[in-house]
Amino acid sequence: MTSPLTTSSSEGRWTPRLWGTLLVLCAAMFLDALDVSMVGVALPSIGSDLHLTTSTLQWVVSGYILGYGGLLLLGGRTADLLGRRQVFLIALGVFAVASLLGGLVDSGPLLIASRFVKGLSAAFTAPAGLSIITTTFPEGPLRNRALSIYTTCAATGFSMGLVLSGLLTEASWRLTMLLPAPIALIALVAGLKLLPRSEREKDHNGYDIPGAVVGTASMLLLVFTVVEAPQAGWASARTLTSFLAVAVLLTVFVLVERRSAGPLIRLGVLRSGSQIRAQLGAMAFFGSYVGFQFLVTIYMQSLLGWSALHTALAFLPAGALVAVSSTKVGAIVDRFGTPRLIATGFALMVVGYALFLRVSLHPGYAAAILPSMLLIGAACALVFPSLNIQATNGVDDHEQGMVSGLLNTSVQVGGALFLAVVTAVVTAHTPEHASPQAVLDSYRPGLIVVTGIALAGLLITLPGLRTRRTGRSVVVARSLPVEADAETVAVRDVRSFSPARPWPAWSSRRAWWPC
């Protein structure tokens, strides 16, 4: 689809309206990240005010994760089928209303319900927003620049959320719930005027209702099982039965998608090595960071006695480094390619996590904590934009929402899964009536697991380094024969082909992508 916005960007000039479109989309991503980070610091005040038990209080966080992670696949495909602009704006309006209600309710169940609805709406705004960017900005330097700005807003929102929650909670925890509402309303009004209209997909061979039902059910059950596993026990009958049910549902989902004329996810997309590495890398990236932040937050507040604001400021250098450097990542991707940046970022994460193993009960911030924060900040600046670029490059416009939903699902499932694993490891190594030193020692196995997850992300990325670059950023080819290099040949750019290697002959897309 070509629009005035697309034409302007392809000529290298960003009009005021194009900038406005990007800012609206960035505002939604900023709110998603802001909401995730703000609520954590406010939990003790929420529990005290609403008289919630610890097991109930965790669902203030988990309810959002459940709605977000469980419905992302459906949200991405819905954006493709019903129109990205329409889906984005409706979901953003629901997010604003749920934020308002969340700050006004007087009971735990209603607060959890509002959080679930916010997560549900974010499951539609995130893939719709990302696919609007990838269909508005042409593939290459301009899209890379836009995605680097977009992901910078996510990192900035996450970092600012930590600081803002520390400040707002001093007055009232309700302010942390209410703050996103006016921002979302302003973005909604601006989006009505600025976002490009998108047509509904016409040749979609019908709606995959069975796939949507089974896929959504499997994701909801998976996230629910992972969130509940630490309390129920990883080896309990309840947890094992739930995981078995997830496996059955996913098997049914794959069978449905293979036979559907208009699948929720075209499984052929996952035949690309770079696409698989992007999805697995997203799981390892976010899973390791969430686990690290969880452990470090508890360490600073419980063992060091730091305030919520002090803890937030300790994380600020990482977020500030991301905010300053991420806008430059697009140009770096153009020069070096996403696999190199992702591998470099994961290497920095491994070193940063490993260095944090040195901390003690009386650490010097500059010597013991700051180096890890700076390394992890640099890693986030390289990895997150590069993963988004690698996952969406080479994908047709009508499937951008699907791939965006799949990437966001990988992020959320990775975060929920690995956080639960890290929590279980720490709990298993914490003795009863432990001294502060014993508690700190129980955190070290969790940090080792976090480091191992980042190392796994690095190992997943390394095969992509063997790919020979062609002068453009890495592209995932859709209609490429098996023997060709799907990661280095840009199907959409004839200049990427050498005369010595002419186009191979094939009769149709289905010859190489049967799903």
Protein backbone atom coordinates (compact mmCIF):
# COMPACT_ATOMS: atom_id res chain seq x y z
CA MET A 1 0.00 0.00 0.00
CA THR A 2 1.39 3.42 -0.95
CA SER A 3 0.32 6.60 0.79
CA PRO A 4 1.58 10.17 0.87
CA LEU A 5 3.37 9.23 4.05
CA THR A 6 5.12 6.32 2.41
CA THR A 7 6.10 8.40 -0.61
CA SER A 8 7.60 11.14 1.52
CA SER A 9 9.61 8.72 3.58
CA SER A 10 10.88 6.86 0.52
CA GLU A 11 12.30 10.13 -0.81
CA GLY A 12 14.21 10.63 2.43
CA ARG A 13 12.13 13.59 3.69
CA TRP A 14 10.07 13.18 6.82
CA THR A 15 7.11 15.53 6.73
CA PRO A 16 5.62 16.97 9.95
CA ARG A 17 2.71 14.56 9.58
CA LEU A 18 5.07 11.62 9.27
CA TRP A 19 6.86 12.71 12.44
CA GLY A 20 3.45 13.08 14.10
CA THR A 21 2.47 9.56 13.07
CA LEU A 22 5.67 8.16 14.54
CA LEU A 23 5.18 10.12 17.77
CA VAL A 24 1.65 8.74 18.21
CA LEU A 25 2.91 5.19 17.80
CA CYS A 26 5.85 5.89 20.11
CA ALA A 27 3.44 7.26 22.72
CA ALA A 28 1.52 3.97 22.78
CA MET A 29 4.72 1.94 23.11
CA PHE A 30 5.93 4.36 25.80
CA LEU A 31 2.70 3.78 27.74
CA ASP A 32 3.01 -0.01 27.49
CA ALA A 33 6.52 0.06 28.95
CA LEU A 34 5.64 2.76 31.48
CA ASP A 35 2.70 0.78 32.80
CA VAL A 36 4.75 -2.40 33.24
CA SER A 37 7.50 -0.72 35.25
CA MET A 38 5.38 1.70 37.33
CA VAL A 39 3.15 -0.82 39.04
CA GLY A 40 5.98 -2.81 40.63
CA VAL A 41 7.09 -0.08 43.01
CA ALA A 42 3.48 0.71 43.97
CA LEU A 43 2.56 -2.86 44.98
CA PRO A 44 3.25 -2.52 48.73
CA SER A 45 1.03 0.58 48.94
CA ILE A 46 -1.70 -1.12 46.89
CA GLY A 47 -1.67 -4.18 49.15
CA SER A 48 -1.85 -2.07 52.29
CA ASP A 49 -4.65 0.19 51.04
CA LEU A 50 -6.84 -2.56 49.54
CA HIS A 51 -5.95 -5.20 52.16
CA LEU A 52 -4.65 -7.71 49.61
CA THR A 53 -2.67 -10.82 50.41
CA THR A 54 0.63 -11.45 48.67
CA SER A 55 -0.87 -14.15 46.45
CA THR A 56 -3.64 -11.77 45.37
CA LEU A 57 -1.29 -8.83 44.97
CA GLN A 58 0.87 -10.65 42.43
CA TRP A 59 -2.10 -10.74 40.07
CA VAL A 60 -2.00 -6.96 39.78
CA VAL A 61 1.14 -7.62 37.72
CA SER A 62 0.24 -11.05 36.39
CA GLY A 63 -3.21 -9.95 35.21
CA TYR A 64 -1.60 -7.49 32.80
CA ILE A 65 0.90 -10.09 31.61
CA LEU A 66 -1.88 -12.64 31.09
CA GLY A 67 -3.96 -10.33 28.90
CA TYR A 68 -0.95 -9.00 27.03
CA GLY A 69 0.93 -12.23 26.39
CA GLY A 70 -2.17 -14.34 25.80
CA LEU A 71 -3.77 -12.25 23.07
CA LEU A 72 -0.82 -10.89 21.09
CA LEU A 73 -1.10 -13.46 18.30
CA LEU A 74 -4.76 -12.63 17.85
CA GLY A 75 -4.03 -8.90 18.10
CA GLY A 76 -1.38 -9.04 15.37
CA ARG A 77 -3.54 -10.93 12.89
CA THR A 78 -6.59 -8.79 13.68
CA ALA A 79 -4.61 -5.70 12.71
CA ASP A 80 -3.85 -7.27 9.32
CA LEU A 81 -7.42 -8.34 8.67
CA LEU A 82 -9.49 -5.45 10.06
CA GLY A 83 -7.14 -2.53 9.45
CA ARG A 84 -4.15 -1.45 11.52
CA ARG A 85 -5.35 2.11 12.14
CA GLN A 86 -8.79 1.04 13.32
CA VAL A 87 -7.48 -1.68 15.62
CA PHE A 88 -4.78 0.59 17.07
CA LEU A 89 -7.14 3.47 17.86
CA ILE A 90 -9.89 1.32 19.37
CA ALA A 91 -7.41 -0.53 21.57
CA LEU A 92 -5.78 2.74 22.65
CA GLY A 93 -9.18 4.07 23.70
CA VAL A 94 -9.83 0.93 25.75
CA PHE A 95 -6.38 1.35 27.36
CA ALA A 96 -7.27 4.91 28.43
CA VAL A 97 -10.61 3.86 29.95
CA ALA A 98 -9.06 0.90 31.78
CA SER A 99 -6.33 3.20 33.17
CA LEU A 100 -8.96 5.57 34.51
CA LEU A 101 -10.96 2.76 36.11
CA GLY A 102 -7.83 1.22 37.61
CA GLY A 103 -7.13 4.41 39.53
CA LEU A 104 -10.67 4.68 40.89
CA VAL A 105 -11.58 1.14 41.98
CA ASP A 106 -11.75 0.18 45.66
CA SER A 107 -11.32 -3.60 45.52
CA GLY A 108 -8.59 -6.00 44.53
CA PRO A 109 -10.64 -8.04 42.01
CA LEU A 110 -11.74 -4.90 40.15
CA LEU A 111 -8.16 -3.61 40.03
CA ILE A 112 -6.95 -6.96 38.67
CA ALA A 113 -9.76 -6.94 36.10
CA SER A 114 -8.78 -3.44 34.94
CA ARG A 115 -5.17 -4.59 34.64
CA PHE A 116 -6.24 -7.57 32.53
CA VAL A 117 -8.21 -5.28 30.22
CA LYS A 118 -5.19 -2.97 29.91
CA GLY A 119 -3.01 -5.93 29.00
CA LEU A 120 -5.61 -7.06 26.47
CA SER A 121 -5.69 -3.63 24.82
CA ALA A 122 -1.88 -3.50 24.73
CA ALA A 123 -1.94 -6.87 22.96
CA PHE A 124 -3.68 -5.07 20.09
CA THR A 125 -1.86 -1.69 20.15
CA ALA A 126 1.67 -3.19 20.21
CA PRO A 127 1.52 -5.32 17.02
CA ALA A 128 -0.74 -2.82 15.24
CA GLY A 129 1.65 0.05 16.03
CA LEU A 130 4.73 -1.88 14.94
CA SER A 131 3.08 -2.99 11.70
CA ILE A 132 1.99 0.60 10.95
CA ILE A 133 5.64 1.62 11.15
CA THR A 134 6.85 -1.24 8.97
CA THR A 135 4.22 -0.56 6.32
CA THR A 136 4.65 3.23 6.39
CA PHE A 137 8.44 3.38 6.27
CA PRO A 138 10.13 1.55 3.38
CA GLU A 139 12.48 -1.27 4.25
CA GLY A 140 16.06 -0.13 4.71
CA PRO A 141 17.70 2.87 6.41
CA LEU A 142 14.49 4.85 6.89
CA ARG A 143 12.63 1.98 8.53
CA ASN A 144 15.67 1.14 10.64
CA ARG A 145 15.79 4.72 11.86
CA ALA A 146 12.07 4.73 12.67
CA LEU A 147 12.30 1.43 14.54
CA SER A 148 15.29 2.62 16.55
CA ILE A 149 13.31 5.69 17.67
CA TYR A 150 10.29 3.50 18.40
CA THR A 151 12.22 1.06 20.57
CA THR A 152 13.99 3.95 22.30
CA CYS A 153 10.60 5.17 23.49
CA ALA A 154 9.89 1.73 24.95
CA ALA A 155 13.17 1.73 26.87
CA THR A 156 12.65 5.32 27.99
CA GLY A 157 9.14 4.54 29.20
CA PHE A 158 10.39 1.57 31.17
CA SER A 159 13.14 3.63 32.82
CA MET A 160 10.93 6.64 33.51
CA GLY A 161 8.27 4.36 34.95
CA LEU A 162 10.64 3.27 37.69
CA VAL A 163 11.42 6.87 38.66
CA LEU A 164 7.87 8.20 38.28
CA SER A 165 6.41 5.37 40.34
CA GLY A 166 8.80 6.18 43.17
CA LEU A 167 7.69 9.81 43.11
CA LEU A 168 3.95 9.27 42.56
CA THR A 169 3.60 6.49 45.11
CA GLU A 170 4.77 8.91 47.79
CA ALA A 171 1.50 10.81 47.18
CA SER A 172 -0.83 7.94 46.21
CA TRP A 173 -0.55 4.65 44.35
CA ARG A 174 -3.67 5.66 42.42
CA LEU A 175 -1.67 8.29 40.56
CA THR A 176 0.47 5.53 39.03
CA MET A 177 -2.70 3.97 37.62
CA LEU A 178 -4.22 7.26 36.46
CA LEU A 179 -1.15 8.78 34.80
CA PRO A 180 -1.41 6.76 31.52
CA ALA A 181 -5.05 7.81 30.96
CA PRO A 182 -4.53 11.45 29.83
CA ILE A 183 -1.45 10.50 27.78
CA ALA A 184 -3.45 7.78 26.00
CA LEU A 185 -6.33 10.19 25.31
CA ILE A 186 -3.98 12.79 23.82
CA ALA A 187 -2.37 10.12 21.64
CA LEU A 188 -5.84 8.91 20.59
CA VAL A 189 -6.96 12.39 19.47
CA ALA A 190 -3.69 12.92 17.60
CA GLY A 191 -3.92 9.47 16.04
CA LEU A 192 -7.38 10.19 14.63
CA LYS A 193 -5.85 13.02 12.60
CA LEU A 194 -2.38 11.71 11.84
CA LEU A 195 -2.39 7.94 11.39
CA PRO A 196 -2.62 6.79 7.76
CA ARG A 197 -5.73 4.91 6.82
CA SER A 198 -5.11 1.24 6.14
CA GLU A 199 -7.26 -1.03 4.04
CA ARG A 200 -8.54 -4.30 5.33
CA GLU A 201 -6.93 -7.36 3.86
CA LYS A 202 -9.24 -8.46 1.06
CA ASP A 203 -7.78 -11.74 -0.18
CA HIS A 204 -7.45 -13.42 3.20
CA ASN A 205 -9.44 -16.60 2.44
CA GLY A 206 -11.78 -16.09 5.36
CA TYR A 207 -11.24 -15.78 9.09
CA ASP A 208 -9.39 -18.46 10.98
CA ILE A 209 -11.83 -18.68 13.90
CA PRO A 210 -10.68 -22.15 15.13
CA GLY A 211 -7.04 -21.05 15.00
CA ALA A 212 -7.83 -17.84 16.88
CA VAL A 213 -9.71 -19.72 19.61
CA VAL A 214 -7.12 -22.48 20.05
CA GLY A 215 -4.12 -20.13 19.70
CA THR A 216 -5.47 -17.64 22.22
CA ALA A 217 -6.42 -20.42 24.65
CA SER A 218 -2.96 -21.98 24.41
CA MET A 219 -1.18 -18.66 25.04
CA LEU A 220 -3.47 -17.74 27.94
CA LEU A 221 -2.98 -21.15 29.56
CA LEU A 222 0.78 -21.06 29.01
CA VAL A 223 1.19 -17.64 30.61
CA PHE A 224 -1.19 -18.58 33.46
CA THR A 225 0.69 -21.83 34.13
CA VAL A 226 4.09 -20.14 34.17
CA VAL A 227 2.86 -17.36 36.47
CA GLU A 228 1.27 -19.82 38.91
CA ALA A 229 4.00 -22.49 38.81
CA PRO A 230 6.23 -21.00 41.54
CA GLN A 231 3.35 -21.03 44.03
CA ALA A 232 1.74 -24.31 42.97
CA GLY A 233 5.10 -26.06 42.57
CA TRP A 234 6.83 -26.88 39.29
CA ALA A 235 6.46 -30.62 39.87
CA SER A 236 2.90 -30.46 41.21
CA ALA A 237 0.11 -32.33 39.46
CA ARG A 238 -1.62 -29.05 38.71
CA THR A 239 1.40 -27.52 36.96
CA LEU A 240 2.31 -30.66 35.01
CA THR A 241 -1.29 -31.13 33.91
CA SER A 242 -1.44 -27.51 32.76
CA PHE A 243 1.77 -27.85 30.75
CA LEU A 244 0.44 -31.03 29.17
CA ALA A 245 -2.76 -29.21 28.24
CA VAL A 246 -0.67 -26.40 26.71
CA ALA A 247 1.27 -28.96 24.64
CA VAL A 248 -1.98 -30.50 23.41
CA LEU A 249 -3.47 -27.12 22.52
CA LEU A 250 -0.32 -26.05 20.66
CA THR A 251 -0.31 -29.31 18.72
CA VAL A 252 -3.94 -28.77 17.75
CA PHE A 253 -3.11 -25.16 16.84
CA VAL A 254 -0.33 -26.25 14.47
CA LEU A 255 -2.63 -28.79 12.81
CA VAL A 256 -5.36 -26.18 12.40
CA GLU A 257 -2.94 -23.63 10.95
CA ARG A 258 -1.51 -26.11 8.44
CA ARG A 259 -4.98 -26.84 7.08
CA SER A 260 -6.47 -23.35 7.25
CA ALA A 261 -6.87 -21.36 4.04
CA GLY A 262 -6.31 -18.11 5.98
CA PRO A 263 -4.20 -19.08 9.00
CA LEU A 264 -3.69 -16.92 12.09
CA ILE A 265 0.04 -17.59 11.67
CA ARG A 266 1.53 -18.69 8.38
CA LEU A 267 3.91 -21.34 9.68
CA GLY A 268 6.12 -20.93 6.62
CA VAL A 269 7.42 -17.69 8.14
CA LEU A 270 9.23 -19.79 10.72
CA ARG A 271 11.18 -21.64 8.04
CA SER A 272 13.54 -18.67 7.93
CA GLY A 273 16.59 -19.05 10.14
CA SER A 274 16.85 -15.32 10.85
CA GLN A 275 13.16 -15.19 11.84
CA ILE A 276 13.57 -18.07 14.29
CA ARG A 277 16.69 -16.47 15.75
CA ALA A 278 14.82 -13.18 16.16
CA GLN A 279 11.96 -14.87 18.04
CA LEU A 280 14.19 -16.97 20.30
CA GLY A 281 16.51 -14.01 20.81
CA ALA A 282 13.56 -11.89 21.95
CA MET A 283 12.64 -14.52 24.54
CA ALA A 284 16.20 -14.71 25.87
CA PHE A 285 16.70 -10.94 25.82
CA PHE A 286 13.58 -9.94 27.74
CA GLY A 287 13.56 -13.03 29.95
CA SER A 288 17.09 -12.44 31.19
CA TYR A 289 16.52 -8.73 31.79
CA VAL A 290 13.24 -9.18 33.68
CA GLY A 291 14.84 -11.82 35.88
CA PHE A 292 17.83 -9.54 36.53
CA GLN A 293 15.67 -6.53 37.36
CA PHE A 294 13.53 -8.60 39.73
CA LEU A 295 16.53 -9.87 41.69
CA VAL A 296 18.33 -6.54 41.78
CA THR A 297 15.22 -4.65 42.92
CA ILE A 298 14.74 -7.05 45.84
CA TYR A 299 18.45 -6.94 46.64
CA MET A 300 18.52 -3.15 46.78
CA GLN A 301 15.33 -2.67 48.76
CA SER A 302 15.37 -5.71 51.08
CA LEU A 303 19.08 -6.18 51.75
CA LEU A 304 20.54 -2.72 51.20
CA GLY A 305 17.52 -0.86 52.58
CA TRP A 306 17.27 1.53 49.65
CA SER A 307 14.03 3.40 48.99
CA ALA A 308 11.95 2.81 45.88
CA LEU A 309 13.19 6.07 44.38
CA HIS A 310 16.82 5.27 45.23
CA THR A 311 16.42 1.89 43.53
CA ALA A 312 14.86 3.47 40.45
CA LEU A 313 17.73 5.95 40.18
CA ALA A 314 20.22 3.07 40.37
CA PHE A 315 18.69 1.66 37.16
CA LEU A 316 18.54 5.08 35.49
CA PRO A 317 22.02 5.00 33.84
CA ALA A 318 21.00 1.95 31.82
CA GLY A 319 17.81 3.61 30.64
CA ALA A 320 19.56 6.90 29.93
CA LEU A 321 22.18 5.13 27.84
CA VAL A 322 19.44 3.44 25.82
CA ALA A 323 17.60 6.74 25.30
CA VAL A 324 20.75 8.50 24.10
CA SER A 325 22.16 5.79 21.85
CA SER A 326 19.20 3.88 20.41
CA THR A 327 18.40 6.54 17.81
CA LYS A 328 21.79 5.85 16.24
CA VAL A 329 21.27 2.11 16.02
CA GLY A 330 19.50 2.33 12.66
CA ALA A 331 22.61 3.69 10.96
CA ILE A 332 24.77 1.06 12.67
CA VAL A 333 22.44 -1.69 11.44
CA ASP A 334 22.77 -0.38 7.89
CA ARG A 335 26.52 -0.78 8.14
CA PHE A 336 27.00 -3.99 10.12
CA GLY A 337 23.68 -5.90 9.90
CA THR A 338 21.42 -7.09 12.70
CA PRO A 339 23.19 -10.41 13.55
CA ARG A 340 26.41 -8.64 14.51
CA LEU A 341 24.63 -6.08 16.66
CA ILE A 342 22.49 -8.70 18.39
CA ALA A 343 25.53 -10.90 19.08
CA THR A 344 27.50 -7.92 20.41
CA GLY A 345 24.58 -6.89 22.61
CA PHE A 346 24.15 -10.35 24.08
CA ALA A 347 27.89 -10.53 24.76
CA LEU A 348 27.64 -7.26 26.69
CA MET A 349 24.66 -8.61 28.63
CA VAL A 350 26.55 -11.75 29.61
CA VAL A 351 29.47 -9.69 30.92
CA GLY A 352 27.17 -7.24 32.70
CA TYR A 353 25.20 -9.98 34.47
CA ALA A 354 28.37 -11.88 35.38
CA LEU A 355 29.97 -8.76 36.89
CA PHE A 356 26.97 -8.32 39.18
CA LEU A 357 27.84 -11.61 40.89
CA ARG A 358 30.52 -9.64 42.77
CA VAL A 359 28.04 -7.57 44.80
CA SER A 360 28.07 -7.71 48.59
CA LEU A 361 26.01 -6.39 51.48
CA HIS A 362 28.01 -3.15 51.39
CA PRO A 363 28.68 -2.45 47.71
CA GLY A 364 30.16 0.69 46.26
CA TYR A 365 27.73 1.78 43.55
CA ALA A 366 30.34 3.14 41.14
CA ALA A 367 32.56 0.07 41.39
CA ALA A 368 30.14 -2.82 41.88
CA ILE A 369 26.79 -1.81 40.31
CA LEU A 370 27.31 0.95 37.74
CA PRO A 371 29.49 -1.11 35.34
CA SER A 372 26.76 -3.74 35.04
CA MET A 373 24.10 -1.08 34.47
CA LEU A 374 26.11 0.58 31.71
CA LEU A 375 26.90 -2.70 29.96
CA ILE A 376 23.28 -3.83 30.14
CA GLY A 377 22.07 -0.43 28.90
CA ALA A 378 24.42 -0.62 25.92
CA ALA A 379 23.22 -4.17 25.25
CA CYS A 380 19.56 -3.14 25.29
CA ALA A 381 20.29 -0.27 22.90
CA LEU A 382 21.80 -2.73 20.40
CA VAL A 383 19.62 -5.81 20.83
CA PHE A 384 16.03 -4.58 21.07
CA PRO A 385 15.91 -2.41 17.91
CA SER A 386 17.90 -5.02 15.97
CA LEU A 387 15.50 -7.81 16.92
CA ASN A 388 12.54 -5.72 15.71
CA ILE A 389 14.31 -4.93 12.44
CA GLN A 390 15.36 -8.53 11.82
CA ALA A 391 11.90 -9.94 12.56
CA THR A 392 10.01 -7.53 10.27
CA ASN A 393 12.42 -7.20 7.34
CA GLY A 394 11.40 -9.00 4.16
CA VAL A 395 7.85 -9.67 5.37
CA ASP A 396 4.98 -8.63 3.09
CA ASP A 397 2.82 -5.73 4.28
CA HIS A 398 -0.24 -7.91 4.78
CA GLU A 399 1.69 -10.10 7.24
CA GLN A 400 3.45 -7.38 9.23
CA GLY A 401 0.83 -7.47 11.99
CA MET A 402 1.16 -11.24 12.27
CA VAL A 403 4.95 -11.11 12.62
CA SER A 404 4.74 -8.16 15.02
CA GLY A 405 2.30 -10.08 17.21
CA LEU A 406 4.56 -13.13 17.10
CA LEU A 407 7.60 -11.08 18.16
CA ASN A 408 5.75 -9.42 21.03
CA THR A 409 4.44 -12.82 22.12
CA SER A 410 8.00 -14.12 22.25
CA VAL A 411 8.98 -11.14 24.40
CA GLN A 412 6.12 -11.58 26.86
CA VAL A 413 6.26 -15.37 27.10
CA GLY A 414 10.04 -15.20 27.53
CA GLY A 415 9.65 -12.65 30.31
CA ALA A 416 6.99 -14.65 32.16
CA LEU A 417 8.72 -18.00 31.69
CA PHE A 418 12.25 -17.04 32.69
CA LEU A 419 11.11 -14.82 35.57
CA ALA A 420 9.26 -17.80 36.99
CA VAL A 421 12.36 -19.98 36.55
CA VAL A 422 14.63 -17.44 38.25
CA THR A 423 12.15 -17.03 41.10
CA ALA A 424 11.96 -20.79 41.60
CA VAL A 425 15.77 -21.13 41.66
CA VAL A 426 16.14 -18.39 44.27
CA THR A 427 13.33 -19.79 46.42
CA ALA A 428 14.89 -23.25 46.35
CA HIS A 429 18.21 -21.87 47.64
CA THR A 430 16.77 -19.62 50.38
CA PRO A 431 16.82 -21.27 53.83
CA GLU A 432 14.27 -20.43 56.51
CA HIS A 433 15.23 -17.65 58.95
CA ALA A 434 18.22 -16.86 56.75
CA SER A 435 20.75 -14.19 57.60
CA PRO A 436 21.21 -11.30 55.14
CA GLN A 437 24.36 -12.93 53.80
CA ALA A 438 22.53 -16.24 53.29
CA VAL A 439 19.77 -14.41 51.41
CA LEU A 440 22.35 -12.72 49.19
CA ASP A 441 23.98 -16.09 48.55
CA SER A 442 20.58 -17.45 47.50
CA TYR A 443 20.36 -14.72 44.84
CA ARG A 444 23.59 -15.81 43.16
CA PRO A 445 22.16 -19.02 41.58
CA GLY A 446 19.38 -16.85 40.14
CA LEU A 447 21.95 -14.44 38.70
CA ILE A 448 23.83 -17.40 37.23
CA VAL A 449 20.60 -18.54 35.55
CA VAL A 450 20.07 -15.02 34.19
CA THR A 451 23.61 -15.03 32.81
CA GLY A 452 23.01 -18.45 31.26
CA ILE A 453 19.84 -17.23 29.54
CA ALA A 454 21.77 -14.32 28.00
CA LEU A 455 24.54 -16.73 26.96
CA ALA A 456 21.92 -18.91 25.27
CA GLY A 457 20.72 -15.83 23.38
CA LEU A 458 24.29 -15.22 22.21
CA LEU A 459 24.69 -18.82 21.03
CA ILE A 460 21.37 -18.64 19.18
CA THR A 461 22.58 -15.55 17.32
CA LEU A 462 26.03 -16.81 16.33
CA PRO A 463 24.93 -18.91 13.29
CA GLY A 464 23.62 -15.71 11.69
CA LEU A 465 27.13 -14.24 11.68
CA ARG A 466 28.15 -16.67 8.94
CA THR A 467 25.70 -14.99 6.60
CA ARG A 468 27.37 -12.85 3.95
CA ARG A 469 25.99 -9.34 3.80
CA THR A 470 24.79 -7.88 0.50
CA GLY A 471 25.07 -4.17 1.24
CA ARG A 472 21.66 -3.91 2.92
CA SER A 473 20.23 -4.88 6.27
CA VAL A 474 19.31 -8.49 6.88
CA VAL A 475 16.16 -9.52 5.09
CA VAL A 476 13.96 -12.53 5.60
CA ALA A 477 12.94 -13.81 2.19
CA ARG A 478 9.48 -15.20 1.73
CA SER A 479 9.66 -16.87 -1.64
CA LEU A 480 13.16 -18.21 -1.68
CA PRO A 481 14.31 -21.72 -2.59
CA VAL A 482 15.88 -23.88 0.06
CA GLU A 483 19.34 -23.91 -1.48
CA ALA A 484 19.56 -20.11 -1.64
CA ASP A 485 20.74 -17.98 1.27
CA ALA A 486 17.48 -16.63 2.66
CA GLU A 487 19.17 -14.21 5.00
CA THR A 488 21.42 -12.40 2.54
CA VAL A 489 19.26 -12.07 -0.56
CA ALA A 490 16.82 -9.16 -0.53
CA VAL A 491 13.88 -10.34 -2.60
CA ARG A 492 12.47 -6.86 -2.90
CA ASP A 493 15.64 -5.32 -4.30
CA VAL A 494 16.97 -6.62 -7.62
CA ARG A 495 20.25 -4.87 -6.90
CA SER A 496 20.89 -7.43 -4.16
CA PHE A 497 21.39 -10.13 -6.80
CA SER A 498 24.61 -10.70 -8.60
CA PRO A 499 24.46 -11.36 -12.37
CA ALA A 500 26.49 -14.47 -11.66
CA ARG A 501 23.64 -15.80 -9.54
CA PRO A 502 20.45 -15.30 -11.53
CA TRP A 503 16.97 -15.76 -10.15
CA PRO A 504 16.05 -19.41 -9.73
CA ALA A 505 12.92 -20.66 -11.36
CA TRP A 506 9.85 -21.57 -9.35
CA SER A 507 6.22 -21.84 -10.21
CA SER A 508 4.62 -20.36 -7.12
CA ARG A 509 5.20 -19.32 -3.52
CA ARG A 510 3.71 -22.60 -2.29
CA ALA A 511 6.54 -24.50 -3.91
CA TRP A 512 8.86 -23.31 -1.15
CA TRP A 513 6.51 -22.27 1.65
CA PRO A 514 3.89 -25.04 1.86
CA CYS A 515 2.37 -23.62 5.07
